[in-house]
Amino acid sequence: MTKDELRELEVELSRLRQEHRDLDTAIEALQDAPGSDILQVQRFKKRKLFLRDRIRFVENQITPDIIA
């Protein structure tokens, strides 16, 4: 993996983590609001799960398993 590819993955990882945190905040705000949109909360949670999986994938690309 080249340095440029590694840098791109680190930038993507940072962006994904930020979006994941932002969704946490949005979900919490929606759940606390009276008359909140349950469907929107579910969509946000589904997106958050997708992001978690993508974060793990990118992390594994940056630091792959070493077979001894």
N, C-alpha and C. Protein backbone atom coordinates (compact mmCIF):
# COMPACT_ATOMS: atom_id res chain seq x y z
N MET A 1 0.85 -1.17 0.00
CA MET A 1 0.00 0.00 0.00
C MET A 1 0.90 1.24 0.00
N THR A 2 0.58 2.18 -0.88
CA THR A 2 1.40 3.38 -0.97
C THR A 2 0.99 4.37 0.12
N LYS A 3 1.84 5.36 0.31
CA LYS A 3 1.55 6.39 1.32
C LYS A 3 0.30 7.16 0.96
N ASP A 4 0.10 7.42 -0.34
CA ASP A 4 -1.10 8.15 -0.77
C ASP A 4 -2.37 7.34 -0.48
N GLU A 5 -2.32 6.05 -0.75
CA GLU A 5 -3.48 5.19 -0.47
C GLU A 5 -3.76 5.15 1.03
N LEU A 6 -2.71 5.05 1.82
CA LEU A 6 -2.87 5.04 3.27
C LEU A 6 -3.48 6.35 3.76
N ARG A 7 -3.01 7.45 3.21
CA ARG A 7 -3.53 8.76 3.59
C ARG A 7 -5.01 8.88 3.23
N GLU A 8 -5.38 8.38 2.04
CA GLU A 8 -6.78 8.41 1.62
C GLU A 8 -7.67 7.60 2.56
N LEU A 9 -7.18 6.43 2.96
CA LEU A 9 -7.94 5.60 3.89
C LEU A 9 -8.09 6.28 5.25
N GLU A 10 -7.05 6.94 5.71
CA GLU A 10 -7.12 7.64 6.99
C GLU A 10 -8.10 8.81 6.93
N VAL A 11 -8.14 9.50 5.80
CA VAL A 11 -9.09 10.60 5.62
C VAL A 11 -10.51 10.05 5.60
N GLU A 12 -10.71 8.96 4.88
CA GLU A 12 -12.05 8.34 4.84
C GLU A 12 -12.46 7.86 6.22
N LEU A 13 -11.53 7.26 6.95
CA LEU A 13 -11.83 6.77 8.30
C LEU A 13 -12.24 7.93 9.20
N SER A 14 -11.55 9.02 9.11
CA SER A 14 -11.88 10.19 9.91
C SER A 14 -13.28 10.71 9.57
N ARG A 15 -13.59 10.77 8.28
CA ARG A 15 -14.90 11.24 7.83
C ARG A 15 -16.01 10.30 8.32
N LEU A 16 -15.77 9.00 8.21
CA LEU A 16 -16.76 8.02 8.66
C LEU A 16 -17.02 8.11 10.16
N ARG A 17 -15.95 8.26 10.92
CA ARG A 17 -16.10 8.39 12.38
C ARG A 17 -16.87 9.65 12.74
N GLN A 18 -16.61 10.74 12.03
CA GLN A 18 -17.32 11.99 12.30
C GLN A 18 -18.80 11.84 11.99
N GLU A 19 -19.11 11.22 10.85
CA GLU A 19 -20.52 11.01 10.50
C GLU A 19 -21.21 10.11 11.52
N HIS A 20 -20.50 9.11 12.02
CA HIS A 20 -21.04 8.20 13.04
C HIS A 20 -21.37 8.98 14.31
N ARG A 21 -20.46 9.87 14.74
CA ARG A 21 -20.70 10.70 15.93
C ARG A 21 -21.88 11.65 15.69
N ASP A 22 -21.94 12.23 14.49
CA ASP A 22 -23.04 13.14 14.17
C ASP A 22 -24.39 12.42 14.23
N LEU A 23 -24.42 11.18 13.76
CA LEU A 23 -25.66 10.41 13.82
C LEU A 23 -26.05 10.12 15.26
N ASP A 24 -25.06 9.87 16.13
CA ASP A 24 -25.35 9.68 17.55
C ASP A 24 -26.10 10.89 18.10
N THR A 25 -25.58 12.06 17.79
CA THR A 25 -26.18 13.30 18.26
C THR A 25 -27.59 13.48 17.70
N ALA A 26 -27.74 13.21 16.40
CA ALA A 26 -29.05 13.37 15.76
C ALA A 26 -30.07 12.39 16.32
N ILE A 27 -29.66 11.16 16.53
CA ILE A 27 -30.57 10.15 17.08
C ILE A 27 -31.01 10.55 18.48
N GLU A 28 -30.07 10.97 19.29
CA GLU A 28 -30.40 11.38 20.65
C GLU A 28 -31.37 12.56 20.65
N ALA A 29 -31.12 13.53 19.78
CA ALA A 29 -32.00 14.70 19.71
C ALA A 29 -33.40 14.31 19.25
N LEU A 30 -33.48 13.43 18.26
CA LEU A 30 -34.80 13.00 17.78
C LEU A 30 -35.57 12.22 18.84
N GLN A 31 -34.87 11.37 19.58
CA GLN A 31 -35.54 10.57 20.59
C GLN A 31 -36.01 11.42 21.76
N ASP A 32 -35.30 12.50 22.05
CA ASP A 32 -35.68 13.38 23.15
C ASP A 32 -36.80 14.34 22.78
N ALA A 33 -37.01 14.56 21.49
CA ALA A 33 -38.02 15.51 21.04
C ALA A 33 -39.41 14.89 21.15
N PRO A 34 -40.36 15.67 21.61
CA PRO A 34 -41.74 15.15 21.67
C PRO A 34 -42.27 14.95 20.24
N GLY A 35 -42.97 13.85 20.05
CA GLY A 35 -43.53 13.56 18.73
C GLY A 35 -42.47 13.27 17.69
N SER A 36 -41.41 12.62 18.11
CA SER A 36 -40.30 12.36 17.20
C SER A 36 -40.70 11.37 16.11
N ASP A 37 -40.01 11.45 14.99
CA ASP A 37 -40.26 10.60 13.84
C ASP A 37 -39.52 9.28 14.04
N ILE A 38 -40.24 8.25 14.42
CA ILE A 38 -39.63 6.95 14.72
C ILE A 38 -38.98 6.36 13.47
N LEU A 39 -39.60 6.56 12.32
CA LEU A 39 -39.05 6.04 11.07
C LEU A 39 -37.70 6.69 10.77
N GLN A 40 -37.60 7.98 11.01
CA GLN A 40 -36.33 8.68 10.79
C GLN A 40 -35.26 8.17 11.75
N VAL A 41 -35.62 7.92 12.99
CA VAL A 41 -34.68 7.38 13.97
C VAL A 41 -34.18 6.01 13.50
N GLN A 42 -35.08 5.18 13.00
CA GLN A 42 -34.69 3.86 12.50
C GLN A 42 -33.74 3.97 11.31
N ARG A 43 -34.01 4.93 10.42
CA ARG A 43 -33.11 5.13 9.27
C ARG A 43 -31.73 5.56 9.73
N PHE A 44 -31.69 6.46 10.69
CA PHE A 44 -30.41 6.92 11.22
C PHE A 44 -29.64 5.76 11.87
N LYS A 45 -30.35 4.92 12.60
CA LYS A 45 -29.70 3.78 13.26
C LYS A 45 -29.16 2.79 12.22
N LYS A 46 -29.93 2.58 11.16
CA LYS A 46 -29.48 1.69 10.10
C LYS A 46 -28.23 2.26 9.42
N ARG A 47 -28.23 3.55 9.17
CA ARG A 47 -27.05 4.21 8.57
C ARG A 47 -25.85 4.10 9.51
N LYS A 48 -26.10 4.24 10.81
CA LYS A 48 -25.04 4.15 11.80
C LYS A 48 -24.42 2.75 11.80
N LEU A 49 -25.23 1.71 11.68
CA LEU A 49 -24.71 0.34 11.60
C LEU A 49 -23.87 0.15 10.34
N PHE A 50 -24.34 0.70 9.22
CA PHE A 50 -23.56 0.62 7.99
C PHE A 50 -22.21 1.30 8.17
N LEU A 51 -22.21 2.48 8.80
CA LEU A 51 -20.97 3.20 9.02
C LEU A 51 -20.02 2.41 9.92
N ARG A 52 -20.57 1.78 10.96
CA ARG A 52 -19.73 0.98 11.86
C ARG A 52 -19.02 -0.13 11.08
N ASP A 53 -19.77 -0.80 10.20
CA ASP A 53 -19.17 -1.87 9.40
C ASP A 53 -18.11 -1.31 8.45
N ARG A 54 -18.40 -0.18 7.86
CA ARG A 54 -17.44 0.44 6.93
C ARG A 54 -16.19 0.90 7.68
N ILE A 55 -16.36 1.43 8.89
CA ILE A 55 -15.22 1.85 9.71
C ILE A 55 -14.33 0.65 9.99
N ARG A 56 -14.92 -0.46 10.37
CA ARG A 56 -14.14 -1.67 10.65
C ARG A 56 -13.40 -2.15 9.41
N PHE A 57 -14.05 -2.08 8.26
CA PHE A 57 -13.42 -2.49 7.01
C PHE A 57 -12.20 -1.62 6.71
N VAL A 58 -12.36 -0.32 6.83
CA VAL A 58 -11.25 0.60 6.54
C VAL A 58 -10.13 0.41 7.56
N GLU A 59 -10.48 0.23 8.82
CA GLU A 59 -9.46 -0.02 9.84
C GLU A 59 -8.66 -1.28 9.50
N ASN A 60 -9.34 -2.31 9.03
CA ASN A 60 -8.64 -3.54 8.64
C ASN A 60 -7.76 -3.34 7.41
N GLN A 61 -8.14 -2.44 6.55
CA GLN A 61 -7.30 -2.13 5.39
C GLN A 61 -6.02 -1.42 5.82
N ILE A 62 -6.15 -0.57 6.84
CA ILE A 62 -4.99 0.19 7.33
C ILE A 62 -4.06 -0.71 8.12
N THR A 63 -4.63 -1.54 8.99
CA THR A 63 -3.82 -2.44 9.82
C THR A 63 -4.30 -3.88 9.61
N PRO A 64 -3.84 -4.52 8.54
CA PRO A 64 -4.30 -5.89 8.26
C PRO A 64 -3.75 -6.87 9.29
N ASP A 65 -4.45 -8.02 9.40
CA ASP A 65 -4.00 -9.07 10.30
C ASP A 65 -2.65 -9.61 9.82
N ILE A 66 -1.79 -9.91 10.75
CA ILE A 66 -0.49 -10.48 10.43
C ILE A 66 -0.53 -11.95 10.81
N ILE A 67 -0.32 -12.80 9.84
CA ILE A 67 -0.32 -14.23 10.09
C ILE A 67 1.11 -14.62 10.45
N ALA A 68 1.27 -15.19 11.65
CA ALA A 68 2.61 -15.55 12.12
C ALA A 68 2.97 -16.96 11.70
